[in-house]
Amino acid sequence: MNMQPTFDSSWSVFIEILSDEFTEKTGFGVYAHITPIDVSLAFKQYKQLSSPMRSFVRNYVRDYV
C-alpha cells in the first residue's frame, strides 16, 4: 500500500499566487502574515469552492488585510 501523498501542482501555484497577492498589497509575502497551517487551511477552503484561484486569493487577502 502506497502511503505517499500525491503531488497536486495546484498547491504550488496557489502558494505563488497567494504570496504575490500579499506582496502586492502589503509589501511582504504570505508567510510574513499567516502560518503554513493557515495556508493549508486556505488551500482546502479554495478546493471546496468552485471559484477561480486568483479570485479566491484576491478575496482571501482582501479580507485578511
PDB file of N, CA and C in Angstrom:
ATOM      1  N   MET A   1       0.832  -1.175   0.000  1.00  0.00           N
ATOM      2  CA  MET A   1       0.000   0.000   0.000  1.00  0.00           C
ATOM      3  C   MET A   1       0.883   1.248   0.000  1.00  0.00           C
ATOM      4  N   ASN A   2       0.664   2.146  -0.935  1.00  0.00           N
ATOM      5  CA  ASN A   2       1.468   3.359  -1.075  1.00  0.00           C
ATOM      6  C   ASN A   2       0.897   4.441  -0.170  1.00  0.00           C
ATOM      7  N   MET A   3       1.672   4.874   0.815  1.00  0.00           N
ATOM      8  CA  MET A   3       1.208   5.878   1.774  1.00  0.00           C
ATOM      9  C   MET A   3       1.715   7.281   1.439  1.00  0.00           C
ATOM     10  N   GLN A   4       2.461   7.429   0.354  1.00  0.00           N
ATOM     11  CA  GLN A   4       2.977   8.744  -0.008  1.00  0.00           C
ATOM     12  C   GLN A   4       1.852   9.588  -0.604  1.00  0.00           C
ATOM     13  N   PRO A   5       1.775  10.856  -0.178  1.00  0.00           N
ATOM     14  CA  PRO A   5       0.740  11.727  -0.755  1.00  0.00           C
ATOM     15  C   PRO A   5       1.060  12.040  -2.211  1.00  0.00           C
ATOM     16  N   THR A   6       0.042  12.214  -3.001  1.00  0.00           N
ATOM     17  CA  THR A   6       0.256  12.591  -4.391  1.00  0.00           C
ATOM     18  C   THR A   6       0.471  14.091  -4.461  1.00  0.00           C
ATOM     19  N   PHE A   7       1.295  14.516  -5.373  1.00  0.00           N
ATOM     20  CA  PHE A   7       1.595  15.938  -5.521  1.00  0.00           C
ATOM     21  C   PHE A   7       0.505  16.600  -6.344  1.00  0.00           C
ATOM     22  N   ASP A   8      -0.050  17.642  -5.817  1.00  0.00           N
ATOM     23  CA  ASP A   8      -1.063  18.429  -6.509  1.00  0.00           C
ATOM     24  C   ASP A   8      -0.390  19.710  -6.977  1.00  0.00           C
ATOM     25  N   SER A   9      -0.201  19.850  -8.272  1.00  0.00           N
ATOM     26  CA  SER A   9       0.518  21.020  -8.785  1.00  0.00           C
ATOM     27  C   SER A   9      -0.211  22.318  -8.488  1.00  0.00           C
ATOM     28  N   SER A  10      -1.517  22.254  -8.255  1.00  0.00           N
ATOM     29  CA  SER A  10      -2.236  23.475  -7.937  1.00  0.00           C
ATOM     30  C   SER A  10      -1.808  24.040  -6.584  1.00  0.00           C
ATOM     31  N   TRP A  11      -1.249  23.190  -5.715  1.00  0.00           N
ATOM     32  CA  TRP A  11      -0.751  23.640  -4.408  1.00  0.00           C
ATOM     33  C   TRP A  11       0.364  24.673  -4.582  1.00  0.00           C
ATOM     34  N   SER A  12       1.348  24.366  -5.414  1.00  0.00           N
ATOM     35  CA  SER A  12       2.465  25.292  -5.596  1.00  0.00           C
ATOM     36  C   SER A  12       2.014  26.565  -6.313  1.00  0.00           C
ATOM     37  N   VAL A  13       1.083  26.448  -7.237  1.00  0.00           N
ATOM     38  CA  VAL A  13       0.543  27.626  -7.909  1.00  0.00           C
ATOM     39  C   VAL A  13      -0.227  28.479  -6.912  1.00  0.00           C
ATOM     40  N   PHE A  14      -0.991  27.839  -6.043  1.00  0.00           N
ATOM     41  CA  PHE A  14      -1.754  28.552  -5.018  1.00  0.00           C
ATOM     42  C   PHE A  14      -0.833  29.364  -4.114  1.00  0.00           C
ATOM     43  N   ILE A  15       0.223  28.756  -3.639  1.00  0.00           N
ATOM     44  CA  ILE A  15       1.170  29.455  -2.759  1.00  0.00           C
ATOM     45  C   ILE A  15       1.812  30.632  -3.490  1.00  0.00           C
ATOM     46  N   GLU A  16       2.176  30.439  -4.731  1.00  0.00           N
ATOM     47  CA  GLU A  16       2.801  31.508  -5.508  1.00  0.00           C
ATOM     48  C   GLU A  16       1.836  32.689  -5.684  1.00  0.00           C
ATOM     49  N   ILE A  17       0.598  32.387  -6.049  1.00  0.00           N
ATOM     50  CA  ILE A  17      -0.392  33.447  -6.242  1.00  0.00           C
ATOM     51  C   ILE A  17      -0.707  34.135  -4.915  1.00  0.00           C
ATOM     52  N   LEU A  18      -0.838  33.352  -3.848  1.00  0.00           N
ATOM     53  CA  LEU A  18      -1.124  33.911  -2.531  1.00  0.00           C
ATOM     54  C   LEU A  18       0.008  34.829  -2.070  1.00  0.00           C
ATOM     55  N   SER A  19       1.232  34.392  -2.249  1.00  0.00           N
ATOM     56  CA  SER A  19       2.376  35.205  -1.857  1.00  0.00           C
ATOM     57  C   SER A  19       2.462  36.480  -2.704  1.00  0.00           C
ATOM     58  N   ASP A  20       2.225  36.340  -4.001  1.00  0.00           N
ATOM     59  CA  ASP A  20       2.247  37.517  -4.880  1.00  0.00           C
ATOM     60  C   ASP A  20       1.195  38.533  -4.459  1.00  0.00           C
ATOM     61  N   GLU A  21       0.008  38.055  -4.118  1.00  0.00           N
ATOM     62  CA  GLU A  21      -1.080  38.953  -3.721  1.00  0.00           C
ATOM     63  C   GLU A  21      -0.753  39.657  -2.402  1.00  0.00           C
ATOM     64  N   PHE A  22      -0.233  38.914  -1.430  1.00  0.00           N
ATOM     65  CA  PHE A  22       0.168  39.546  -0.167  1.00  0.00           C
ATOM     66  C   PHE A  22       1.278  40.565  -0.410  1.00  0.00           C
ATOM     67  N   THR A  23       2.243  40.223  -1.242  1.00  0.00           N
ATOM     68  CA  THR A  23       3.353  41.129  -1.533  1.00  0.00           C
ATOM     69  C   THR A  23       2.848  42.403  -2.205  1.00  0.00           C
ATOM     70  N   GLU A  24       1.937  42.243  -3.146  1.00  0.00           N
ATOM     71  CA  GLU A  24       1.390  43.400  -3.841  1.00  0.00           C
ATOM     72  C   GLU A  24       0.620  44.315  -2.892  1.00  0.00           C
ATOM     73  N   LYS A  25      -0.142  43.739  -1.992  1.00  0.00           N
ATOM     74  CA  LYS A  25      -0.992  44.533  -1.092  1.00  0.00           C
ATOM     75  C   LYS A  25      -0.246  45.082   0.124  1.00  0.00           C
ATOM     76  N   THR A  26       0.774  44.363   0.595  1.00  0.00           N
ATOM     77  CA  THR A  26       1.408  44.746   1.862  1.00  0.00           C
ATOM     78  C   THR A  26       2.911  44.977   1.771  1.00  0.00           C
ATOM     79  N   GLY A  27       3.534  44.485   0.715  1.00  0.00           N
ATOM     80  CA  GLY A  27       4.985  44.591   0.606  1.00  0.00           C
ATOM     81  C   GLY A  27       5.718  43.396   1.191  1.00  0.00           C
ATOM     82  N   PHE A  28       4.974  42.447   1.754  1.00  0.00           N
ATOM     83  CA  PHE A  28       5.567  41.252   2.355  1.00  0.00           C
ATOM     84  C   PHE A  28       4.835  40.010   1.867  1.00  0.00           C
ATOM     85  N   GLY A  29       5.562  38.902   1.745  1.00  0.00           N
ATOM     86  CA  GLY A  29       4.983  37.648   1.273  1.00  0.00           C
ATOM     87  C   GLY A  29       4.033  37.017   2.268  1.00  0.00           C
ATOM     88  N   VAL A  30       3.457  35.925   1.849  1.00  0.00           N
ATOM     89  CA  VAL A  30       2.408  35.249   2.602  1.00  0.00           C
ATOM     90  C   VAL A  30       2.838  34.858   4.008  1.00  0.00           C
ATOM     91  N   TYR A  31       4.048  34.313   4.166  1.00  0.00           N
ATOM     92  CA  TYR A  31       4.464  33.793   5.469  1.00  0.00           C
ATOM     93  C   TYR A  31       4.825  34.886   6.471  1.00  0.00           C
ATOM     94  N   ALA A  32       4.850  36.137   6.027  1.00  0.00           N
ATOM     95  CA  ALA A  32       5.009  37.247   6.958  1.00  0.00           C
ATOM     96  C   ALA A  32       3.674  37.552   7.651  1.00  0.00           C
ATOM     97  N   HIS A  33       2.599  37.005   7.112  1.00  0.00           N
ATOM     98  CA  HIS A  33       1.257  37.305   7.607  1.00  0.00           C
ATOM     99  C   HIS A  33       0.548  36.113   8.241  1.00  0.00           C
ATOM    100  N   ILE A  34       0.651  34.961   7.613  1.00  0.00           N
ATOM    101  CA  ILE A  34      -0.075  33.791   8.102  1.00  0.00           C
ATOM    102  C   ILE A  34       0.863  32.592   8.195  1.00  0.00           C
ATOM    103  N   THR A  35       0.468  31.626   8.992  1.00  0.00           N
ATOM    104  CA  THR A  35       1.290  30.433   9.213  1.00  0.00           C
ATOM    105  C   THR A  35       1.100  29.425   8.081  1.00  0.00           C
ATOM    106  N   PRO A  36       2.025  28.479   7.954  1.00  0.00           N
ATOM    107  CA  PRO A  36       1.838  27.408   6.966  1.00  0.00           C
ATOM    108  C   PRO A  36       0.530  26.635   7.187  1.00  0.00           C
ATOM    109  N   ILE A  37       0.105  26.513   8.421  1.00  0.00           N
ATOM    110  CA  ILE A  37      -1.177  25.827   8.694  1.00  0.00           C
ATOM    111  C   ILE A  37      -2.325  26.639   8.108  1.00  0.00           C
ATOM    112  N   ASP A  38      -2.275  27.958   8.263  1.00  0.00           N
ATOM    113  CA  ASP A  38      -3.311  28.816   7.685  1.00  0.00           C
ATOM    114  C   ASP A  38      -3.326  28.722   6.158  1.00  0.00           C
ATOM    115  N   VAL A  39      -2.145  28.628   5.554  1.00  0.00           N
ATOM    116  CA  VAL A  39      -2.059  28.472   4.100  1.00  0.00           C
ATOM    117  C   VAL A  39      -2.729  27.164   3.685  1.00  0.00           C
ATOM    118  N   SER A  40      -2.447  26.111   4.422  1.00  0.00           N
ATOM    119  CA  SER A  40      -3.055  24.810   4.129  1.00  0.00           C
ATOM    120  C   SER A  40      -4.573  24.866   4.268  1.00  0.00           C
ATOM    121  N   LEU A  41      -5.045  25.525   5.311  1.00  0.00           N
ATOM    122  CA  LEU A  41      -6.497  25.656   5.502  1.00  0.00           C
ATOM    123  C   LEU A  41      -7.127  26.492   4.385  1.00  0.00           C
ATOM    124  N   ALA A  42      -6.451  27.538   3.968  1.00  0.00           N
ATOM    125  CA  ALA A  42      -6.959  28.362   2.868  1.00  0.00           C
ATOM    126  C   ALA A  42      -7.021  27.552   1.581  1.00  0.00           C
ATOM    127  N   PHE A  43      -6.006  26.714   1.341  1.00  0.00           N
ATOM    128  CA  PHE A  43      -5.996  25.874   0.141  1.00  0.00           C
ATOM    129  C   PHE A  43      -7.155  24.880   0.175  1.00  0.00           C
ATOM    130  N   LYS A  44      -7.386  24.278   1.321  1.00  0.00           N
ATOM    131  CA  LYS A  44      -8.511  23.341   1.454  1.00  0.00           C
ATOM    132  C   LYS A  44      -9.839  24.051   1.211  1.00  0.00           C
ATOM    133  N   GLN A  45      -9.943  25.260   1.729  1.00  0.00           N
ATOM    134  CA  GLN A  45     -11.157  26.050   1.518  1.00  0.00           C
ATOM    135  C   GLN A  45     -11.335  26.348   0.025  1.00  0.00           C
ATOM    136  N   TYR A  46     -10.255  26.740  -0.634  1.00  0.00           N
ATOM    137  CA  TYR A  46     -10.300  27.011  -2.072  1.00  0.00           C
ATOM    138  C   TYR A  46     -10.766  25.770  -2.839  1.00  0.00           C
ATOM    139  N   LYS A  47     -10.222  24.612  -2.489  1.00  0.00           N
ATOM    140  CA  LYS A  47     -10.553  23.370  -3.202  1.00  0.00           C
ATOM    141  C   LYS A  47     -12.031  23.010  -3.058  1.00  0.00           C
ATOM    142  N   GLN A  48     -12.657  23.437  -1.970  1.00  0.00           N
ATOM    143  CA  GLN A  48     -14.067  23.126  -1.749  1.00  0.00           C
ATOM    144  C   GLN A  48     -15.001  24.056  -2.520  1.00  0.00           C
ATOM    145  N   LEU A  49     -14.485  25.183  -2.947  1.00  0.00           N
ATOM    146  CA  LEU A  49     -15.295  26.154  -3.680  1.00  0.00           C
ATOM    147  C   LEU A  49     -15.080  25.997  -5.174  1.00  0.00           C
ATOM    148  N   SER A  50     -15.951  26.577  -5.935  1.00  0.00           N
ATOM    149  CA  SER A  50     -15.814  26.464  -7.392  1.00  0.00           C
ATOM    150  C   SER A  50     -15.330  27.765  -8.028  1.00  0.00           C
ATOM    151  N   SER A  51     -14.818  28.670  -7.203  1.00  0.00           N
ATOM    152  CA  SER A  51     -14.336  29.940  -7.743  1.00  0.00           C
ATOM    153  C   SER A  51     -12.931  29.778  -8.326  1.00  0.00           C
ATOM    154  N   PRO A  52     -12.575  30.641  -9.270  1.00  0.00           N
ATOM    155  CA  PRO A  52     -11.211  30.609  -9.815  1.00  0.00           C
ATOM    156  C   PRO A  52     -10.190  30.919  -8.716  1.00  0.00           C
ATOM    157  N   MET A  53      -9.002  30.366  -8.848  1.00  0.00           N
ATOM    158  CA  MET A  53      -7.971  30.508  -7.827  1.00  0.00           C
ATOM    159  C   MET A  53      -7.631  31.971  -7.558  1.00  0.00           C
ATOM    160  N   ARG A  54      -7.384  32.736  -8.598  1.00  0.00           N
ATOM    161  CA  ARG A  54      -6.993  34.141  -8.405  1.00  0.00           C
ATOM    162  C   ARG A  54      -8.091  34.931  -7.699  1.00  0.00           C
ATOM    163  N   SER A  55      -9.313  34.646  -8.043  1.00  0.00           N
ATOM    164  CA  SER A  55     -10.442  35.313  -7.406  1.00  0.00           C
ATOM    165  C   SER A  55     -10.512  34.965  -5.921  1.00  0.00           C
ATOM    166  N   PHE A  56     -10.359  33.698  -5.607  1.00  0.00           N
ATOM    167  CA  PHE A  56     -10.369  33.259  -4.217  1.00  0.00           C
ATOM    168  C   PHE A  56      -9.248  33.935  -3.441  1.00  0.00           C
ATOM    169  N   VAL A  57      -8.044  33.920  -3.994  1.00  0.00           N
ATOM    170  CA  VAL A  57      -6.876  34.501  -3.320  1.00  0.00           C
ATOM    171  C   VAL A  57      -7.067  36.001  -3.123  1.00  0.00           C
ATOM    172  N   ARG A  58      -7.538  36.685  -4.144  1.00  0.00           N
ATOM    173  CA  ARG A  58      -7.751  38.128  -4.032  1.00  0.00           C
ATOM    174  C   ARG A  58      -8.716  38.432  -2.881  1.00  0.00           C
ATOM    175  N   ASN A  59      -9.807  37.687  -2.798  1.00  0.00           N
ATOM    176  CA  ASN A  59     -10.780  37.884  -1.725  1.00  0.00           C
ATOM    177  C   ASN A  59     -10.199  37.508  -0.366  1.00  0.00           C
ATOM    178  N   TYR A  60      -9.436  36.432  -0.326  1.00  0.00           N
ATOM    179  CA  TYR A  60      -8.821  35.986   0.935  1.00  0.00           C
ATOM    180  C   TYR A  60      -7.896  37.062   1.485  1.00  0.00           C
ATOM    181  N   VAL A  61      -7.045  37.592   0.633  1.00  0.00           N
ATOM    182  CA  VAL A  61      -6.080  38.613   1.076  1.00  0.00           C
ATOM    183  C   VAL A  61      -6.820  39.900   1.433  1.00  0.00           C
ATOM    184  N   ARG A  62      -7.793  40.271   0.644  1.00  0.00           N
ATOM    185  CA  ARG A  62      -8.572  41.486   0.936  1.00  0.00           C
ATOM    186  C   ARG A  62      -9.234  41.381   2.313  1.00  0.00           C
ATOM    187  N   ASP A  63      -9.817  40.221   2.601  1.00  0.00           N
ATOM    188  CA  ASP A  63     -10.468  40.019   3.884  1.00  0.00           C
ATOM    189  C   ASP A  63      -9.449  39.959   5.038  1.00  0.00           C
ATOM    190  N   TYR A  64      -8.253  39.500   4.749  1.00  0.00           N
ATOM    191  CA  TYR A  64      -7.207  39.403   5.780  1.00  0.00           C
ATOM    192  C   TYR A  64      -6.618  40.775   6.093  1.00  0.00           C
ATOM    193  N   VAL A  65      -6.312  41.514   5.022  1.00  0.00           N
ATOM    194  CA  VAL A  65      -5.668  42.815   5.179  1.00  0.00           C
ATOM    195  C   VAL A  65      -6.724  43.790   5.528  1.00  0.00           C
TER     196      VAL A  65
END
